[in-house]
C-alpha atoms as a PDB file:
ATOM      1  CA  MET A   1      47.412  -4.112  -4.036  1.00  0.00           C
ATOM      2  CA  ILE A   2      45.196  -2.257  -6.456  1.00  0.00           C
ATOM      3  CA  ILE A   3      41.552  -2.638  -5.483  1.00  0.00           C
ATOM      4  CA  LEU A   4      38.843  -0.819  -7.347  1.00  0.00           C
ATOM      5  CA  VAL A   5      35.251  -0.159  -6.477  1.00  0.00           C
ATOM      6  CA  LEU A   6      33.436   1.396  -9.382  1.00  0.00           C
ATOM      7  CA  PRO A   7      29.846   2.654  -9.382  1.00  0.00           C
ATOM      8  CA  ASP A   8      27.174   0.454 -10.890  1.00  0.00           C
ATOM      9  CA  ILE A   9      25.856   1.172 -14.377  1.00  0.00           C
ATOM     10  CA  ALA A  10      22.553   2.733 -13.253  1.00  0.00           C
ATOM     11  CA  GLN A  11      24.375   5.111 -10.918  1.00  0.00           C
ATOM     12  CA  GLU A  12      26.881   5.884 -13.676  1.00  0.00           C
ATOM     13  CA  ASP A  13      24.094   6.742 -16.140  1.00  0.00           C
ATOM     14  CA  GLN A  14      22.413   9.004 -13.590  1.00  0.00           C
ATOM     15  CA  LEU A  15      25.711  10.784 -12.836  1.00  0.00           C
ATOM     16  CA  LEU A  16      26.351  11.212 -16.538  1.00  0.00           C
ATOM     17  CA  ALA A  17      22.900  12.726 -17.128  1.00  0.00           C
ATOM     18  CA  GLN A  18      23.372  15.164 -14.228  1.00  0.00           C
ATOM     19  CA  ALA A  19      26.882  16.115 -15.350  1.00  0.00           C
ATOM     20  CA  ARG A  20      25.662  16.802 -18.900  1.00  0.00           C
ATOM     21  CA  LYS A  21      23.361  19.368 -17.286  1.00  0.00           C
ATOM     22  CA  ARG A  22      26.554  20.844 -15.780  1.00  0.00           C
ATOM     23  CA  ASP A  23      25.663  19.899 -12.217  1.00  0.00           C
ATOM     24  CA  PRO A  24      28.867  20.617 -10.238  1.00  0.00           C
ATOM     25  CA  GLN A  25      27.959  18.038  -7.570  1.00  0.00           C
ATOM     26  CA  ALA A  26      27.672  15.309 -10.223  1.00  0.00           C
ATOM     27  CA  MET A  27      31.020  16.307 -11.713  1.00  0.00           C
ATOM     28  CA  MET A  28      32.658  16.107  -8.277  1.00  0.00           C
ATOM     29  CA  GLU A  29      31.083  12.718  -7.681  1.00  0.00           C
ATOM     30  CA  ILE A  30      32.429  11.449 -11.028  1.00  0.00           C
ATOM     31  CA  TYR A  31      35.883  12.676 -10.071  1.00  0.00           C
ATOM     32  CA  ASP A  32      35.681  11.107  -6.601  1.00  0.00           C
ATOM     33  CA  SER A  33      34.320   7.819  -7.962  1.00  0.00           C
ATOM     34  CA  TYR A  34      36.716   7.339 -10.855  1.00  0.00           C
ATOM     35  CA  PHE A  35      39.966   9.133 -10.039  1.00  0.00           C
ATOM     36  CA  ALA A  36      41.548   6.193  -8.181  1.00  0.00           C
ATOM     37  CA  ALA A  37      40.627   3.686 -10.902  1.00  0.00           C
ATOM     38  CA  VAL A  38      41.963   5.874 -13.722  1.00  0.00           C
ATOM     39  CA  TYR A  39      45.086   6.717 -11.699  1.00  0.00           C
ATOM     40  CA  ASN A  40      45.796   3.021 -11.070  1.00  0.00           C
ATOM     41  CA  PHE A  41      45.325   2.247 -14.767  1.00  0.00           C
ATOM     42  CA  ILE A  42      47.823   4.954 -15.696  1.00  0.00           C
ATOM     43  CA  ARG A  43      50.145   4.050 -12.816  1.00  0.00           C
ATOM     44  CA  LEU A  44      50.545   0.558 -14.239  1.00  0.00           C
ATOM     45  CA  ARG A  45      52.326   2.153 -17.190  1.00  0.00           C
ATOM     46  CA  VAL A  46      54.072   5.164 -15.613  1.00  0.00           C
ATOM     47  CA  GLU A  47      56.916   4.644 -13.146  1.00  0.00           C
ATOM     48  CA  ASP A  48      56.742   8.150 -11.616  1.00  0.00           C
ATOM     49  CA  ARG A  49      53.776   8.649  -9.271  1.00  0.00           C
ATOM     50  CA  THR A  50      53.723  12.424  -9.806  1.00  0.00           C
ATOM     51  CA  GLN A  51      53.640  11.989 -13.572  1.00  0.00           C
ATOM     52  CA  ALA A  52      50.861   9.404 -13.220  1.00  0.00           C
ATOM     53  CA  ASP A  53      48.910  11.903 -11.119  1.00  0.00           C
ATOM     54  CA  ASP A  54      49.425  14.615 -13.758  1.00  0.00           C
ATOM     55  CA  LEU A  55      48.296  12.332 -16.575  1.00  0.00           C
ATOM     56  CA  THR A  56      45.235  11.286 -14.584  1.00  0.00           C
ATOM     57  CA  SER A  57      44.362  14.927 -14.008  1.00  0.00           C
ATOM     58  CA  GLU A  58      44.663  15.471 -17.756  1.00  0.00           C
ATOM     59  CA  VAL A  59      41.999  12.801 -18.322  1.00  0.00           C
ATOM     60  CA  PHE A  60      39.572  14.661 -16.050  1.00  0.00           C
ATOM     61  CA  VAL A  61      40.409  18.014 -17.648  1.00  0.00           C
ATOM     62  CA  LYS A  62      39.500  16.450 -20.998  1.00  0.00           C
ATOM     63  CA  LEU A  63      36.239  15.228 -19.469  1.00  0.00           C
ATOM     64  CA  MET A  64      35.361  18.716 -18.209  1.00  0.00           C
ATOM     65  CA  LYS A  65      36.192  20.209 -21.622  1.00  0.00           C
ATOM     66  CA  ALA A  66      34.009  17.575 -23.281  1.00  0.00           C
ATOM     67  CA  PHE A  67      31.100  18.542 -21.013  1.00  0.00           C
ATOM     68  CA  GLN A  68      31.623  22.241 -21.789  1.00  0.00           C
ATOM     69  CA  ALA A  69      31.774  21.588 -25.541  1.00  0.00           C
ATOM     70  CA  GLY A  70      28.656  19.405 -25.445  1.00  0.00           C
ATOM     71  CA  LYS A  71      30.714  16.386 -26.529  1.00  0.00           C
ATOM     72  CA  ALA A  72      30.538  14.437 -23.304  1.00  0.00           C
ATOM     73  CA  PRO A  73      29.996  10.684 -23.439  1.00  0.00           C
ATOM     74  CA  ARG A  74      26.385   9.629 -23.857  1.00  0.00           C
ATOM     75  CA  TYR A  75      26.912   6.215 -22.271  1.00  0.00           C
ATOM     76  CA  SER A  76      29.646   4.210 -20.564  1.00  0.00           C
ATOM     77  CA  LEU A  77      31.413   6.965 -18.681  1.00  0.00           C
ATOM     78  CA  ARG A  78      33.878   4.408 -17.341  1.00  0.00           C
ATOM     79  CA  GLY A  79      34.699   3.208 -20.861  1.00  0.00           C
ATOM     80  CA  TRP A  80      35.140   6.804 -22.057  1.00  0.00           C
ATOM     81  CA  LEU A  81      37.485   7.636 -19.182  1.00  0.00           C
ATOM     82  CA  PHE A  82      39.671   4.572 -19.740  1.00  0.00           C
ATOM     83  CA  ARG A  83      39.772   5.161 -23.507  1.00  0.00           C
ATOM     84  CA  VAL A  84      40.921   8.766 -22.899  1.00  0.00           C
ATOM     85  CA  ALA A  85      43.446   7.508 -20.301  1.00  0.00           C
ATOM     86  CA  ARG A  86      44.792   5.072 -22.863  1.00  0.00           C
ATOM     87  CA  ASN A  87      45.110   7.882 -25.421  1.00  0.00           C
ATOM     88  CA  VAL A  88      46.851  10.121 -22.876  1.00  0.00           C
ATOM     89  CA  LEU A  89      49.322   7.319 -22.199  1.00  0.00           C
ATOM     90  CA  HIS A  90      49.886   6.846 -25.906  1.00  0.00           C
ATOM     91  CA  ASP A  91      50.552  10.576 -26.301  1.00  0.00           C
ATOM     92  CA  TYR A  92      52.909  10.507 -23.320  1.00  0.00           C
ATOM     93  CA  TYR A  93      54.974   7.576 -24.579  1.00  0.00           C
ATOM     94  CA  GLY A  94      54.446   7.908 -28.307  1.00  0.00           C
ATOM     95  CA  GLN A  95      54.372   4.115 -28.426  1.00  0.00           C
ATOM     96  CA  ARG A  96      53.007   1.121 -26.534  1.00  0.00           C
ATOM     97  CA  GLU A  97      54.875   0.350 -23.340  1.00  0.00           C
ATOM     98  CA  ARG A  98      54.936  -2.724 -21.163  1.00  0.00           C
ATOM     99  CA  TYR A  99      53.755  -2.485 -17.604  1.00  0.00           C
ATOM    100  CA  THR A 100      56.386  -1.309 -15.139  1.00  0.00           C
ATOM    101  CA  ASP A 101      57.996  -3.603 -12.563  1.00  0.00           C
ATOM    102  CA  GLU A 102      56.761  -1.413  -9.716  1.00  0.00           C
ATOM    103  CA  ALA A 103      53.233  -1.410 -11.108  1.00  0.00           C
ATOM    104  CA  LEU A 104      53.222  -5.181 -11.399  1.00  0.00           C
ATOM    105  CA  GLU A 105      54.440  -5.321  -7.786  1.00  0.00           C
ATOM    106  CA  GLU A 106      51.282  -3.412  -6.782  1.00  0.00           C
ATOM    107  CA  TRP A 107      49.025  -5.517  -9.012  1.00  0.00           C
ATOM    108  CA  VAL A 108      50.410  -8.927  -7.980  1.00  0.00           C
ATOM    109  CA  PRO A 109      51.281  -8.528  -4.296  1.00  0.00           C
ATOM    110  CA  SER A 110      52.735 -11.211  -2.105  1.00  0.00           C
ATOM    111  CA  LYS A 111      50.564 -12.063   0.886  1.00  0.00           C
ATOM    112  CA  GLY A 112      51.904 -11.413   4.335  1.00  0.00           C
ATOM    113  CA  ASP A 113      52.058 -14.038   7.053  1.00  0.00           C
ATOM    114  CA  ASP A 114      54.131 -14.585  10.187  1.00  0.00           C
ATOM    115  CA  ASP A 115      55.785 -17.762   8.877  1.00  0.00           C
ATOM    116  CA  PRO A 116      59.052 -16.748   7.113  1.00  0.00           C
ATOM    117  CA  GLU A 117      59.095 -19.877   4.934  1.00  0.00           C
ATOM    118  CA  LEU A 118      55.514 -19.289   3.796  1.00  0.00           C
ATOM    119  CA  ARG A 119      56.290 -15.620   3.059  1.00  0.00           C
ATOM    120  CA  LEU A 120      59.293 -16.670   0.987  1.00  0.00           C
ATOM    121  CA  MET A 121      57.234 -19.177  -1.016  1.00  0.00           C
ATOM    122  CA  GLN A 122      54.478 -16.609  -1.603  1.00  0.00           C
ATOM    123  CA  ALA A 123      57.036 -14.007  -2.676  1.00  0.00           C
ATOM    124  CA  LEU A 124      58.545 -16.493  -5.129  1.00  0.00           C
ATOM    125  CA  ASP A 125      55.083 -17.283  -6.528  1.00  0.00           C
ATOM    126  CA  ALA A 126      54.282 -13.570  -6.895  1.00  0.00           C
ATOM    127  CA  GLN A 127      57.630 -13.013  -8.611  1.00  0.00           C
ATOM    128  CA  ARG A 128      56.943 -15.902 -11.021  1.00  0.00           C
ATOM    129  CA  ILE A 129      53.559 -14.365 -11.861  1.00  0.00           C
ATOM    130  CA  LYS A 130      55.065 -10.914 -12.423  1.00  0.00           C
ATOM    131  CA  THR A 131      57.807 -12.354 -14.605  1.00  0.00           C
ATOM    132  CA  ALA A 132      55.249 -14.322 -16.613  1.00  0.00           C
ATOM    133  CA  ILE A 133      53.024 -11.262 -17.105  1.00  0.00           C
ATOM    134  CA  GLN A 134      56.001  -9.237 -18.299  1.00  0.00           C
ATOM    135  CA  ARG A 135      56.637 -11.845 -21.000  1.00  0.00           C
ATOM    136  CA  LEU A 136      53.146 -11.334 -22.462  1.00  0.00           C
ATOM    137  CA  SER A 137      52.599  -8.938 -25.349  1.00  0.00           C
ATOM    138  CA  PRO A 138      51.526  -5.382 -24.420  1.00  0.00           C
ATOM    139  CA  ASP A 139      48.013  -6.084 -25.794  1.00  0.00           C
ATOM    140  CA  GLN A 140      47.706  -9.225 -23.670  1.00  0.00           C
ATOM    141  CA  GLN A 141      48.916  -7.339 -20.582  1.00  0.00           C
ATOM    142  CA  GLU A 142      46.396  -4.578 -21.227  1.00  0.00           C
ATOM    143  CA  VAL A 143      43.514  -7.012 -21.683  1.00  0.00           C
ATOM    144  CA  LEU A 144      44.331  -8.739 -18.382  1.00  0.00           C
ATOM    145  CA  VAL A 145      44.534  -5.434 -16.524  1.00  0.00           C
ATOM    146  CA  LEU A 146      41.331  -4.036 -18.010  1.00  0.00           C
ATOM    147  CA  ARG A 147      39.354  -7.260 -17.608  1.00  0.00           C
ATOM    148  CA  PHE A 148      40.598  -8.431 -14.202  1.00  0.00           C
ATOM    149  CA  ALA A 149      42.161  -5.468 -12.367  1.00  0.00           C
ATOM    150  CA  GLN A 150      39.641  -2.912 -13.640  1.00  0.00           C
ATOM    151  CA  SER A 151      36.683  -5.369 -13.870  1.00  0.00           C
ATOM    152  CA  LEU A 152      35.598  -4.052 -17.247  1.00  0.00           C
ATOM    153  CA  SER A 153      33.336  -6.037 -19.556  1.00  0.00           C
ATOM    154  CA  LEU A 154      34.489  -7.489 -22.853  1.00  0.00           C
ATOM    155  CA  GLU A 155      32.599  -4.741 -24.691  1.00  0.00           C
ATOM    156  CA  GLU A 156      34.148  -1.952 -22.600  1.00  0.00           C
ATOM    157  CA  THR A 157      37.621  -3.445 -23.003  1.00  0.00           C
ATOM    158  CA  ALA A 158      37.149  -3.758 -26.763  1.00  0.00           C
ATOM    159  CA  ASP A 159      35.930  -0.161 -26.975  1.00  0.00           C
ATOM    160  CA  ILE A 160      38.877   1.157 -24.953  1.00  0.00           C
ATOM    161  CA  MET A 161      41.425  -0.800 -26.973  1.00  0.00           C
ATOM    162  CA  GLY A 162      39.802  -0.035 -30.318  1.00  0.00           C
ATOM    163  CA  LYS A 163      39.360  -3.730 -31.085  1.00  0.00           C
ATOM    164  CA  ASN A 164      36.336  -5.926 -31.628  1.00  0.00           C
ATOM    165  CA  VAL A 165      35.008  -8.157 -28.855  1.00  0.00           C
ATOM    166  CA  ASN A 166      36.212 -11.370 -30.509  1.00  0.00           C
ATOM    167  CA  THR A 167      39.755 -10.013 -30.687  1.00  0.00           C
ATOM    168  CA  VAL A 168      39.633  -9.155 -26.978  1.00  0.00           C
ATOM    169  CA  LYS A 169      38.302 -12.624 -26.180  1.00  0.00           C
ATOM    170  CA  SER A 170      41.128 -14.138 -28.184  1.00  0.00           C
ATOM    171  CA  LEU A 171      43.764 -11.937 -26.520  1.00  0.00           C
ATOM    172  CA  GLN A 172      42.393 -12.814 -23.083  1.00  0.00           C
ATOM    173  CA  PHE A 173      42.241 -16.531 -23.889  1.00  0.00           C
ATOM    174  CA  ARG A 174      45.815 -16.562 -25.214  1.00  0.00           C
ATOM    175  CA  ALA A 175      47.107 -14.499 -22.283  1.00  0.00           C
ATOM    176  CA  VAL A 176      45.518 -16.768 -19.691  1.00  0.00           C
ATOM    177  CA  ASN A 177      46.692 -19.922 -21.486  1.00  0.00           C
ATOM    178  CA  THR A 178      50.206 -18.549 -21.900  1.00  0.00           C
ATOM    179  CA  LEU A 179      50.323 -17.626 -18.199  1.00  0.00           C
ATOM    180  CA  ARG A 180      49.029 -21.062 -17.274  1.00  0.00           C
ATOM    181  CA  GLN A 181      51.717 -22.727 -19.406  1.00  0.00           C
ATOM    182  CA  MET A 182      54.526 -20.539 -18.073  1.00  0.00           C
ATOM    183  CA  LEU A 183      53.490 -21.069 -14.468  1.00  0.00           C
ATOM    184  CA  THR A 184      53.084 -24.842 -14.765  1.00  0.00           C
ATOM    185  CA  GLU A 185      56.439 -25.168 -16.536  1.00  0.00           C
ATOM    186  CA  ALA A 186      58.142 -23.208 -13.770  1.00  0.00           C
END
């Protein structure tokens, strides 16, 4: 299961200020704090783990180049990283892709238990959820991942996706309602 622990906003702002001064320790801390989250975001779209690792590295190379060029983000480091990750994915695919089956397996795991019948029922529920998520539009899938798996705010999600906040709210509302309908019908 993908679990993310991201730094709080005050810590993020402090890291960003130190990194803009080209503090190598701050840059390492940014990498250590955000690599897993960015990797998991990319991994949801890329089947090959090695390729996902390469694309994630590309995001951090772009960050280092932005610091060197004096064009580093002024605020919302997390939002900047996910926006760049989204652009890297777009460049990689050349078009919007749905989330991979393997990635959805990691995002919607079945819970383990010793009771075989309970494990079977949980696996069926997890499979229903994965199937339902795959039937959503790519934008709806992305909103759910950014909002719930990555714990980003509406504003950060809107910024990353290049949409306004109301559009993101609408996409999230429709995605959740569609999932609810599909799961209650099944």
